[in-house]
Amino acid sequence: MVIDNTSEFRYEDDIPLVVPEVNPHAIAQYKNRGIIANPNCSTIQLVVALKPIHDAVGIERINVATYHRCQARAAKPLRSWPSSRCNCLTGKGPVHCAG
């Protein structure tokens, strides 16, 4: 068994995405390919906190934004980020919707 901490397998249907405090039963599905994936660090903290609320009263929707530092070499691409996002959302112009 391999526990993968990258994003490589997070969206694979036959590989369980497991947060032990939230869905420990999903671990049994590792036998399909011998891999267990886990969400990113922001998601793990969030779902652990939200699980009891979901179980008690349910959750219809949640909006989350995370922010990460950028290095100096990323400054130039970030200057074009607002227009790229606008293009991505409106479908106009060249679209670079990475990340």
PDB file of N, CA and C in Angstrom:
ATOM      1  N   MET A   1       0.835  -1.169   0.000  1.00  0.00           N
ATOM      2  CA  MET A   1       0.000   0.000   0.000  1.00  0.00           C
ATOM      3  C   MET A   1       0.888   1.243   0.000  1.00  0.00           C
ATOM      4  N   VAL A   2       0.445   2.247  -0.780  1.00  0.00           N
ATOM      5  CA  VAL A   2       1.147   3.529  -0.841  1.00  0.00           C
ATOM      6  C   VAL A   2       0.157   4.618  -0.461  1.00  0.00           C
ATOM      7  N   ILE A   3       0.574   5.506   0.421  1.00  0.00           N
ATOM      8  CA  ILE A   3      -0.231   6.678   0.746  1.00  0.00           C
ATOM      9  C   ILE A   3       0.394   7.847  -0.003  1.00  0.00           C
ATOM     10  N   ASP A   4      -0.345   8.364  -0.970  1.00  0.00           N
ATOM     11  CA  ASP A   4       0.180   9.400  -1.840  1.00  0.00           C
ATOM     12  C   ASP A   4      -0.234  10.777  -1.343  1.00  0.00           C
ATOM     13  N   ASN A   5       0.754  11.654  -1.183  1.00  0.00           N
ATOM     14  CA  ASN A   5       0.505  12.999  -0.690  1.00  0.00           C
ATOM     15  C   ASN A   5       0.553  14.038  -1.804  1.00  0.00           C
ATOM     16  N   THR A   6       0.671  13.597  -3.050  1.00  0.00           N
ATOM     17  CA  THR A   6       0.679  14.535  -4.168  1.00  0.00           C
ATOM     18  C   THR A   6      -0.740  14.696  -4.692  1.00  0.00           C
ATOM     19  N   SER A   7      -0.904  15.478  -5.716  1.00  0.00           N
ATOM     20  CA  SER A   7      -2.230  15.644  -6.325  1.00  0.00           C
ATOM     21  C   SER A   7      -2.461  14.650  -7.470  1.00  0.00           C
ATOM     22  N   GLU A   8      -1.501  13.797  -7.718  1.00  0.00           N
ATOM     23  CA  GLU A   8      -1.548  12.879  -8.865  1.00  0.00           C
ATOM     24  C   GLU A   8      -2.783  11.988  -8.903  1.00  0.00           C
ATOM     25  N   PHE A   9      -3.232  11.486  -7.767  1.00  0.00           N
ATOM     26  CA  PHE A   9      -4.301  10.490  -7.753  1.00  0.00           C
ATOM     27  C   PHE A   9      -5.594  10.977  -7.107  1.00  0.00           C
ATOM     28  N   ARG A  10      -5.698  12.226  -6.762  1.00  0.00           N
ATOM     29  CA  ARG A  10      -6.849  12.733  -6.007  1.00  0.00           C
ATOM     30  C   ARG A  10      -8.171  12.631  -6.750  1.00  0.00           C
ATOM     31  N   TYR A  11      -8.140  12.618  -8.065  1.00  0.00           N
ATOM     32  CA  TYR A  11      -9.384  12.597  -8.829  1.00  0.00           C
ATOM     33  C   TYR A  11      -9.610  11.272  -9.551  1.00  0.00           C
ATOM     34  N   GLU A  12      -8.883  10.258  -9.158  1.00  0.00           N
ATOM     35  CA  GLU A  12      -9.052   8.938  -9.764  1.00  0.00           C
ATOM     36  C   GLU A  12     -10.208   8.207  -9.079  1.00  0.00           C
ATOM     37  N   ASP A  13     -11.160   7.718  -9.866  1.00  0.00           N
ATOM     38  CA  ASP A  13     -12.343   7.063  -9.293  1.00  0.00           C
ATOM     39  C   ASP A  13     -12.027   5.800  -8.506  1.00  0.00           C
ATOM     40  N   ASP A  14     -10.969   5.090  -8.904  1.00  0.00           N
ATOM     41  CA  ASP A  14     -10.678   3.816  -8.243  1.00  0.00           C
ATOM     42  C   ASP A  14      -9.608   3.914  -7.156  1.00  0.00           C
ATOM     43  N   ILE A  15      -9.280   5.145  -6.755  1.00  0.00           N
ATOM     44  CA  ILE A  15      -8.320   5.367  -5.667  1.00  0.00           C
ATOM     45  C   ILE A  15      -9.027   6.184  -4.591  1.00  0.00           C
ATOM     46  N   PRO A  16      -9.110   5.644  -3.372  1.00  0.00           N
ATOM     47  CA  PRO A  16      -9.823   6.369  -2.327  1.00  0.00           C
ATOM     48  C   PRO A  16      -9.099   7.647  -1.897  1.00  0.00           C
ATOM     49  N   LEU A  17      -9.872   8.692  -1.712  1.00  0.00           N
ATOM     50  CA  LEU A  17      -9.378   9.959  -1.182  1.00  0.00           C
ATOM     51  C   LEU A  17      -9.793   9.969   0.286  1.00  0.00           C
ATOM     52  N   VAL A  18      -8.823   9.851   1.186  1.00  0.00           N
ATOM     53  CA  VAL A  18      -9.130   9.560   2.582  1.00  0.00           C
ATOM     54  C   VAL A  18      -8.629  10.637   3.532  1.00  0.00           C
ATOM     55  N   VAL A  19      -9.514  11.025   4.425  1.00  0.00           N
ATOM     56  CA  VAL A  19      -9.159  11.791   5.620  1.00  0.00           C
ATOM     57  C   VAL A  19      -9.665  10.909   6.761  1.00  0.00           C
ATOM     58  N   PRO A  20      -8.768  10.258   7.497  1.00  0.00           N
ATOM     59  CA  PRO A  20      -9.188   9.247   8.472  1.00  0.00           C
ATOM     60  C   PRO A  20     -10.247   9.710   9.470  1.00  0.00           C
ATOM     61  N   GLU A  21     -10.222  10.974   9.862  1.00  0.00           N
ATOM     62  CA  GLU A  21     -11.214  11.480  10.812  1.00  0.00           C
ATOM     63  C   GLU A  21     -12.579  11.690  10.171  1.00  0.00           C
ATOM     64  N   VAL A  22     -12.631  11.650   8.842  1.00  0.00           N
ATOM     65  CA  VAL A  22     -13.872  11.951   8.125  1.00  0.00           C
ATOM     66  C   VAL A  22     -14.456  10.717   7.439  1.00  0.00           C
ATOM     67  N   ASN A  23     -13.650   9.980   6.708  1.00  0.00           N
ATOM     68  CA  ASN A  23     -14.161   8.820   5.979  1.00  0.00           C
ATOM     69  C   ASN A  23     -13.222   7.609   6.086  1.00  0.00           C
ATOM     70  N   PRO A  24     -12.990   7.116   7.280  1.00  0.00           N
ATOM     71  CA  PRO A  24     -12.059   5.994   7.450  1.00  0.00           C
ATOM     72  C   PRO A  24     -12.485   4.732   6.706  1.00  0.00           C
ATOM     73  N   HIS A  25     -13.776   4.579   6.469  1.00  0.00           N
ATOM     74  CA  HIS A  25     -14.270   3.404   5.746  1.00  0.00           C
ATOM     75  C   HIS A  25     -13.725   3.329   4.316  1.00  0.00           C
ATOM     76  N   ALA A  26     -13.361   4.465   3.732  1.00  0.00           N
ATOM     77  CA  ALA A  26     -12.865   4.498   2.356  1.00  0.00           C
ATOM     78  C   ALA A  26     -11.490   3.845   2.216  1.00  0.00           C
ATOM     79  N   ILE A  27     -10.782   3.682   3.324  1.00  0.00           N
ATOM     80  CA  ILE A  27      -9.452   3.068   3.268  1.00  0.00           C
ATOM     81  C   ILE A  27      -9.506   1.674   2.655  1.00  0.00           C
ATOM     82  N   ALA A  28     -10.591   0.953   2.877  1.00  0.00           N
ATOM     83  CA  ALA A  28     -10.722  -0.411   2.360  1.00  0.00           C
ATOM     84  C   ALA A  28     -10.645  -0.471   0.841  1.00  0.00           C
ATOM     85  N   GLN A  29     -10.921   0.625   0.160  1.00  0.00           N
ATOM     86  CA  GLN A  29     -10.893   0.650  -1.302  1.00  0.00           C
ATOM     87  C   GLN A  29      -9.474   0.670  -1.874  1.00  0.00           C
ATOM     88  N   TYR A  30      -8.463   0.750  -1.016  1.00  0.00           N
ATOM     89  CA  TYR A  30      -7.092   0.817  -1.523  1.00  0.00           C
ATOM     90  C   TYR A  30      -6.718  -0.424  -2.311  1.00  0.00           C
ATOM     91  N   LYS A  31      -7.416  -1.506  -2.093  1.00  0.00           N
ATOM     92  CA  LYS A  31      -7.066  -2.769  -2.736  1.00  0.00           C
ATOM     93  C   LYS A  31      -7.209  -2.708  -4.253  1.00  0.00           C
ATOM     94  N   ASN A  32      -7.974  -1.760  -4.761  1.00  0.00           N
ATOM     95  CA  ASN A  32      -8.133  -1.631  -6.214  1.00  0.00           C
ATOM     96  C   ASN A  32      -6.795  -1.432  -6.914  1.00  0.00           C
ATOM     97  N   ARG A  33      -5.978  -0.496  -6.399  1.00  0.00           N
ATOM     98  CA  ARG A  33      -4.689  -0.202  -7.032  1.00  0.00           C
ATOM     99  C   ARG A  33      -3.545  -0.118  -6.035  1.00  0.00           C
ATOM    100  N   GLY A  34      -3.828  -0.345  -4.753  1.00  0.00           N
ATOM    101  CA  GLY A  34      -2.777  -0.309  -3.744  1.00  0.00           C
ATOM    102  C   GLY A  34      -2.352   1.089  -3.358  1.00  0.00           C
ATOM    103  N   ILE A  35      -3.223   2.071  -3.645  1.00  0.00           N
ATOM    104  CA  ILE A  35      -2.885   3.476  -3.376  1.00  0.00           C
ATOM    105  C   ILE A  35      -4.010   4.125  -2.587  1.00  0.00           C
ATOM    106  N   ILE A  36      -3.640   4.941  -1.625  1.00  0.00           N
ATOM    107  CA  ILE A  36      -4.579   5.814  -0.921  1.00  0.00           C
ATOM    108  C   ILE A  36      -4.099   7.239  -1.168  1.00  0.00           C
ATOM    109  N   ALA A  37      -5.015   8.096  -1.605  1.00  0.00           N
ATOM    110  CA  ALA A  37      -4.690   9.503  -1.814  1.00  0.00           C
ATOM    111  C   ALA A  37      -5.219  10.307  -0.635  1.00  0.00           C
ATOM    112  N   ASN A  38      -4.632  11.478  -0.424  1.00  0.00           N
ATOM    113  CA  ASN A  38      -5.192  12.374   0.578  1.00  0.00           C
ATOM    114  C   ASN A  38      -5.295  13.774  -0.007  1.00  0.00           C
ATOM    115  N   PRO A  39      -6.250  14.571   0.491  1.00  0.00           N
ATOM    116  CA  PRO A  39      -6.423  15.932  -0.029  1.00  0.00           C
ATOM    117  C   PRO A  39      -5.256  16.830   0.351  1.00  0.00           C
ATOM    118  N   ASN A  40      -5.268  18.047  -0.180  1.00  0.00           N
ATOM    119  CA  ASN A  40      -4.206  18.988   0.182  1.00  0.00           C
ATOM    120  C   ASN A  40      -4.392  19.463   1.618  1.00  0.00           C
ATOM    121  N   CYS A  41      -3.405  20.144   2.136  1.00  0.00           N
ATOM    122  CA  CYS A  41      -3.384  20.518   3.551  1.00  0.00           C
ATOM    123  C   CYS A  41      -4.548  21.427   3.931  1.00  0.00           C
ATOM    124  N   SER A  42      -4.947  22.324   3.076  1.00  0.00           N
ATOM    125  CA  SER A  42      -6.067  23.210   3.384  1.00  0.00           C
ATOM    126  C   SER A  42      -7.369  22.427   3.500  1.00  0.00           C
ATOM    127  N   THR A  43      -7.562  21.494   2.617  1.00  0.00           N
ATOM    128  CA  THR A  43      -8.790  20.707   2.599  1.00  0.00           C
ATOM    129  C   THR A  43      -8.887  19.790   3.815  1.00  0.00           C
ATOM    130  N   ILE A  44      -7.802  19.166   4.179  1.00  0.00           N
ATOM    131  CA  ILE A  44      -7.820  18.253   5.326  1.00  0.00           C
ATOM    132  C   ILE A  44      -8.297  18.984   6.577  1.00  0.00           C
ATOM    133  N   GLN A  45      -7.717  20.120   6.873  1.00  0.00           N
ATOM    134  CA  GLN A  45      -8.116  20.875   8.061  1.00  0.00           C
ATOM    135  C   GLN A  45      -9.582  21.278   8.006  1.00  0.00           C
ATOM    136  N   LEU A  46     -10.016  21.693   6.834  1.00  0.00           N
ATOM    137  CA  LEU A  46     -11.380  22.152   6.675  1.00  0.00           C
ATOM    138  C   LEU A  46     -12.394  21.029   6.877  1.00  0.00           C
ATOM    139  N   VAL A  47     -12.180  19.888   6.228  1.00  0.00           N
ATOM    140  CA  VAL A  47     -13.166  18.811   6.339  1.00  0.00           C
ATOM    141  C   VAL A  47     -13.199  18.191   7.734  1.00  0.00           C
ATOM    142  N   VAL A  48     -12.077  18.166   8.418  1.00  0.00           N
ATOM    143  CA  VAL A  48     -12.080  17.670   9.800  1.00  0.00           C
ATOM    144  C   VAL A  48     -12.946  18.584  10.673  1.00  0.00           C
ATOM    145  N   ALA A  49     -12.853  19.883  10.471  1.00  0.00           N
ATOM    146  CA  ALA A  49     -13.654  20.826  11.248  1.00  0.00           C
ATOM    147  C   ALA A  49     -15.129  20.799  10.837  1.00  0.00           C
ATOM    148  N   LEU A  50     -15.401  20.577   9.554  1.00  0.00           N
ATOM    149  CA  LEU A  50     -16.776  20.623   9.068  1.00  0.00           C
ATOM    150  C   LEU A  50     -17.558  19.327   9.268  1.00  0.00           C
ATOM    151  N   LYS A  51     -16.878  18.201   9.409  1.00  0.00           N
ATOM    152  CA  LYS A  51     -17.560  16.910   9.523  1.00  0.00           C
ATOM    153  C   LYS A  51     -18.598  16.885  10.639  1.00  0.00           C
ATOM    154  N   PRO A  52     -18.289  17.312  11.868  1.00  0.00           N
ATOM    155  CA  PRO A  52     -19.313  17.283  12.918  1.00  0.00           C
ATOM    156  C   PRO A  52     -20.504  18.202  12.625  1.00  0.00           C
ATOM    157  N   ILE A  53     -20.246  19.319  11.985  1.00  0.00           N
ATOM    158  CA  ILE A  53     -21.334  20.238  11.620  1.00  0.00           C
ATOM    159  C   ILE A  53     -22.215  19.585  10.561  1.00  0.00           C
ATOM    160  N   HIS A  54     -21.581  18.987   9.572  1.00  0.00           N
ATOM    161  CA  HIS A  54     -22.330  18.296   8.516  1.00  0.00           C
ATOM    162  C   HIS A  54     -23.185  17.182   9.097  1.00  0.00           C
ATOM    163  N   ASP A  55     -22.615  16.418   9.999  1.00  0.00           N
ATOM    164  CA  ASP A  55     -23.358  15.319  10.615  1.00  0.00           C
ATOM    165  C   ASP A  55     -24.522  15.823  11.463  1.00  0.00           C
ATOM    166  N   ALA A  56     -24.342  16.954  12.134  1.00  0.00           N
ATOM    167  CA  ALA A  56     -25.375  17.467  13.040  1.00  0.00           C
ATOM    168  C   ALA A  56     -26.516  18.176  12.311  1.00  0.00           C
ATOM    169  N   VAL A  57     -26.179  19.046  11.375  1.00  0.00           N
ATOM    170  CA  VAL A  57     -27.227  19.864  10.746  1.00  0.00           C
ATOM    171  C   VAL A  57     -27.132  19.935   9.224  1.00  0.00           C
ATOM    172  N   GLY A  58     -26.084  19.357   8.665  1.00  0.00           N
ATOM    173  CA  GLY A  58     -25.898  19.419   7.220  1.00  0.00           C
ATOM    174  C   GLY A  58     -25.240  20.726   6.796  1.00  0.00           C
ATOM    175  N   ILE A  59     -24.679  20.713   5.627  1.00  0.00           N
ATOM    176  CA  ILE A  59     -24.054  21.901   5.040  1.00  0.00           C
ATOM    177  C   ILE A  59     -24.489  21.946   3.585  1.00  0.00           C
ATOM    178  N   GLU A  60     -25.081  23.041   3.184  1.00  0.00           N
ATOM    179  CA  GLU A  60     -25.525  23.170   1.799  1.00  0.00           C
ATOM    180  C   GLU A  60     -24.430  23.716   0.891  1.00  0.00           C
ATOM    181  N   ARG A  61     -23.634  24.628   1.416  1.00  0.00           N
ATOM    182  CA  ARG A  61     -22.619  25.265   0.579  1.00  0.00           C
ATOM    183  C   ARG A  61     -21.562  25.902   1.463  1.00  0.00           C
ATOM    184  N   ILE A  62     -20.348  25.919   0.961  1.00  0.00           N
ATOM    185  CA  ILE A  62     -19.272  26.622   1.638  1.00  0.00           C
ATOM    186  C   ILE A  62     -18.351  27.203   0.573  1.00  0.00           C
ATOM    187  N   ASN A  63     -17.944  28.425   0.753  1.00  0.00           N
ATOM    188  CA  ASN A  63     -17.002  29.086  -0.151  1.00  0.00           C
ATOM    189  C   ASN A  63     -15.691  29.261   0.587  1.00  0.00           C
ATOM    190  N   VAL A  64     -14.615  28.865  -0.051  1.00  0.00           N
ATOM    191  CA  VAL A  64     -13.305  28.911   0.578  1.00  0.00           C
ATOM    192  C   VAL A  64     -12.307  29.556  -0.378  1.00  0.00           C
ATOM    193  N   ALA A  65     -11.462  30.380   0.164  1.00  0.00           N
ATOM    194  CA  ALA A  65     -10.350  30.936  -0.606  1.00  0.00           C
ATOM    195  C   ALA A  65      -9.083  30.701   0.202  1.00  0.00           C
ATOM    196  N   THR A  66      -8.041  30.246  -0.467  1.00  0.00           N
ATOM    197  CA  THR A  66      -6.756  30.096   0.198  1.00  0.00           C
ATOM    198  C   THR A  66      -5.754  30.997  -0.511  1.00  0.00           C
ATOM    199  N   TYR A  67      -4.790  31.455   0.238  1.00  0.00           N
ATOM    200  CA  TYR A  67      -3.787  32.365  -0.309  1.00  0.00           C
ATOM    201  C   TYR A  67      -2.410  31.824   0.027  1.00  0.00           C
ATOM    202  N   HIS A  68      -1.538  31.863  -0.938  1.00  0.00           N
ATOM    203  CA  HIS A  68      -0.190  31.346  -0.765  1.00  0.00           C
ATOM    204  C   HIS A  68       0.792  32.431  -1.177  1.00  0.00           C
ATOM    205  N   ARG A  69       1.915  32.425  -0.539  1.00  0.00           N
ATOM    206  CA  ARG A  69       2.927  33.421  -0.886  1.00  0.00           C
ATOM    207  C   ARG A  69       3.479  33.128  -2.273  1.00  0.00           C
ATOM    208  N   CYS A  70       4.004  34.142  -2.903  1.00  0.00           N
ATOM    209  CA  CYS A  70       4.654  33.924  -4.182  1.00  0.00           C
ATOM    210  C   CYS A  70       6.076  34.452  -4.094  1.00  0.00           C
ATOM    211  N   GLN A  71       6.922  33.862  -4.873  1.00  0.00           N
ATOM    212  CA  GLN A  71       8.312  34.286  -4.892  1.00  0.00           C
ATOM    213  C   GLN A  71       8.496  35.385  -5.922  1.00  0.00           C
ATOM    214  N   ALA A  72       9.605  36.056  -5.853  1.00  0.00           N
ATOM    215  CA  ALA A  72       9.885  37.167  -6.762  1.00  0.00           C
ATOM    216  C   ALA A  72       9.786  36.747  -8.225  1.00  0.00           C
ATOM    217  N   ARG A  73      10.220  35.541  -8.543  1.00  0.00           N
ATOM    218  CA  ARG A  73      10.189  35.115  -9.950  1.00  0.00           C
ATOM    219  C   ARG A  73       8.768  34.942 -10.458  1.00  0.00           C
ATOM    220  N   ALA A  74       7.801  34.875  -9.552  1.00  0.00           N
ATOM    221  CA  ALA A  74       6.400  34.740  -9.961  1.00  0.00           C
ATOM    222  C   ALA A  74       5.721  36.091 -10.122  1.00  0.00           C
ATOM    223  N   ALA A  75       6.388  37.171  -9.762  1.00  0.00           N
ATOM    224  CA  ALA A  75       5.766  38.494  -9.786  1.00  0.00           C
ATOM    225  C   ALA A  75       5.310  38.891 -11.185  1.00  0.00           C
ATOM    226  N   LYS A  76       6.114  38.663 -12.207  1.00  0.00           N
ATOM    227  CA  LYS A  76       5.743  39.067 -13.564  1.00  0.00           C
ATOM    228  C   LYS A  76       4.483  38.332 -14.042  1.00  0.00           C
ATOM    229  N   PRO A  77       4.421  37.008 -13.932  1.00  0.00           N
ATOM    230  CA  PRO A  77       3.182  36.336 -14.344  1.00  0.00           C
ATOM    231  C   PRO A  77       1.965  36.790 -13.533  1.00  0.00           C
ATOM    232  N   LEU A  78       2.169  37.148 -12.272  1.00  0.00           N
ATOM    233  CA  LEU A  78       1.039  37.579 -11.447  1.00  0.00           C
ATOM    234  C   LEU A  78       0.469  38.915 -11.899  1.00  0.00           C
ATOM    235  N   ARG A  79       1.279  39.747 -12.533  1.00  0.00           N
ATOM    236  CA  ARG A  79       0.759  41.025 -13.009  1.00  0.00           C
ATOM    237  C   ARG A  79      -0.317  40.820 -14.063  1.00  0.00           C
ATOM    238  N   SER A  80      -0.241  39.731 -14.823  1.00  0.00           N
ATOM    239  CA  SER A  80      -1.254  39.470 -15.846  1.00  0.00           C
ATOM    240  C   SER A  80      -2.423  38.657 -15.298  1.00  0.00           C
ATOM    241  N   TRP A  81      -2.353  38.259 -14.049  1.00  0.00           N
ATOM    242  CA  TRP A  81      -3.381  37.409 -13.468  1.00  0.00           C
ATOM    243  C   TRP A  81      -4.788  38.000 -13.526  1.00  0.00           C
ATOM    244  N   PRO A  82      -5.000  39.274 -13.152  1.00  0.00           N
ATOM    245  CA  PRO A  82      -6.373  39.800 -13.207  1.00  0.00           C
ATOM    246  C   PRO A  82      -6.992  39.720 -14.598  1.00  0.00           C
ATOM    247  N   SER A  83      -6.252  40.092 -15.629  1.00  0.00           N
ATOM    248  CA  SER A  83      -6.818  40.032 -16.977  1.00  0.00           C
ATOM    249  C   SER A  83      -7.011  38.593 -17.434  1.00  0.00           C
ATOM    250  N   SER A  84      -6.113  37.706 -17.031  1.00  0.00           N
ATOM    251  CA  SER A  84      -6.274  36.296 -17.393  1.00  0.00           C
ATOM    252  C   SER A  84      -7.527  35.728 -16.754  1.00  0.00           C
ATOM    253  N   ARG A  85      -7.757  36.055 -15.494  1.00  0.00           N
ATOM    254  CA  ARG A  85      -8.959  35.570 -14.809  1.00  0.00           C
ATOM    255  C   ARG A  85     -10.202  36.138 -15.475  1.00  0.00           C
ATOM    256  N   CYS A  86     -10.149  37.402 -15.825  1.00  0.00           N
ATOM    257  CA  CYS A  86     -11.288  38.017 -16.489  1.00  0.00           C
ATOM    258  C   CYS A  86     -11.561  37.304 -17.811  1.00  0.00           C
ATOM    259  N   ASN A  87     -10.495  37.055 -18.573  1.00  0.00           N
ATOM    260  CA  ASN A  87     -10.650  36.338 -19.840  1.00  0.00           C
ATOM    261  C   ASN A  87     -11.199  34.940 -19.613  1.00  0.00           C
ATOM    262  N   CYS A  88     -10.737  34.303 -18.568  1.00  0.00           N
ATOM    263  CA  CYS A  88     -11.193  32.949 -18.261  1.00  0.00           C
ATOM    264  C   CYS A  88     -12.686  32.953 -17.943  1.00  0.00           C
ATOM    265  N   LEU A  89     -13.136  33.926 -17.179  1.00  0.00           N
ATOM    266  CA  LEU A  89     -14.529  33.984 -16.756  1.00  0.00           C
ATOM    267  C   LEU A  89     -15.468  34.435 -17.870  1.00  0.00           C
ATOM    268  N   THR A  90     -15.006  35.316 -18.749  1.00  0.00           N
ATOM    269  CA  THR A  90     -15.874  35.848 -19.798  1.00  0.00           C
ATOM    270  C   THR A  90     -15.735  35.104 -21.115  1.00  0.00           C
ATOM    271  N   GLY A  91     -14.648  34.331 -21.256  1.00  0.00           N
ATOM    272  CA  GLY A  91     -14.429  33.613 -22.510  1.00  0.00           C
ATOM    273  C   GLY A  91     -13.860  34.486 -23.604  1.00  0.00           C
ATOM    274  N   LYS A  92     -13.380  35.693 -23.270  1.00  0.00           N
ATOM    275  CA  LYS A  92     -12.838  36.614 -24.255  1.00  0.00           C
ATOM    276  C   LYS A  92     -11.317  36.564 -24.229  1.00  0.00           C
ATOM    277  N   GLY A  93     -10.726  36.753 -25.383  1.00  0.00           N
ATOM    278  CA  GLY A  93      -9.274  36.872 -25.466  1.00  0.00           C
ATOM    279  C   GLY A  93      -8.556  35.582 -25.151  1.00  0.00           C
ATOM    280  N   PRO A  94      -7.214  35.666 -25.104  1.00  0.00           N
ATOM    281  CA  PRO A  94      -6.436  34.471 -24.775  1.00  0.00           C
ATOM    282  C   PRO A  94      -6.701  34.055 -23.336  1.00  0.00           C
ATOM    283  N   VAL A  95      -6.829  32.773 -23.140  1.00  0.00           N
ATOM    284  CA  VAL A  95      -7.172  32.277 -21.819  1.00  0.00           C
ATOM    285  C   VAL A  95      -6.038  31.414 -21.285  1.00  0.00           C
ATOM    286  N   HIS A  96      -5.542  31.766 -20.125  1.00  0.00           N
ATOM    287  CA  HIS A  96      -4.536  30.991 -19.418  1.00  0.00           C
ATOM    288  C   HIS A  96      -5.074  30.772 -18.009  1.00  0.00           C
ATOM    289  N   CYS A  97      -5.811  29.699 -17.842  1.00  0.00           N
ATOM    290  CA  CYS A  97      -6.518  29.468 -16.569  1.00  0.00           C
ATOM    291  C   CYS A  97      -5.829  28.388 -15.749  1.00  0.00           C
ATOM    292  N   ALA A  98      -4.565  28.516 -15.544  1.00  0.00           N
ATOM    293  CA  ALA A  98      -3.855  27.543 -14.722  1.00  0.00           C
ATOM    294  C   ALA A  98      -4.006  27.909 -13.263  1.00  0.00           C
ATOM    295  N   GLY A  99      -4.139  26.892 -12.437  1.00  0.00           N
ATOM    296  CA  GLY A  99      -4.146  27.116 -10.998  1.00  0.00           C
ATOM    297  C   GLY A  99      -5.449  27.561 -10.437  1.00  0.00           C
TER     298      GLY A  99
END
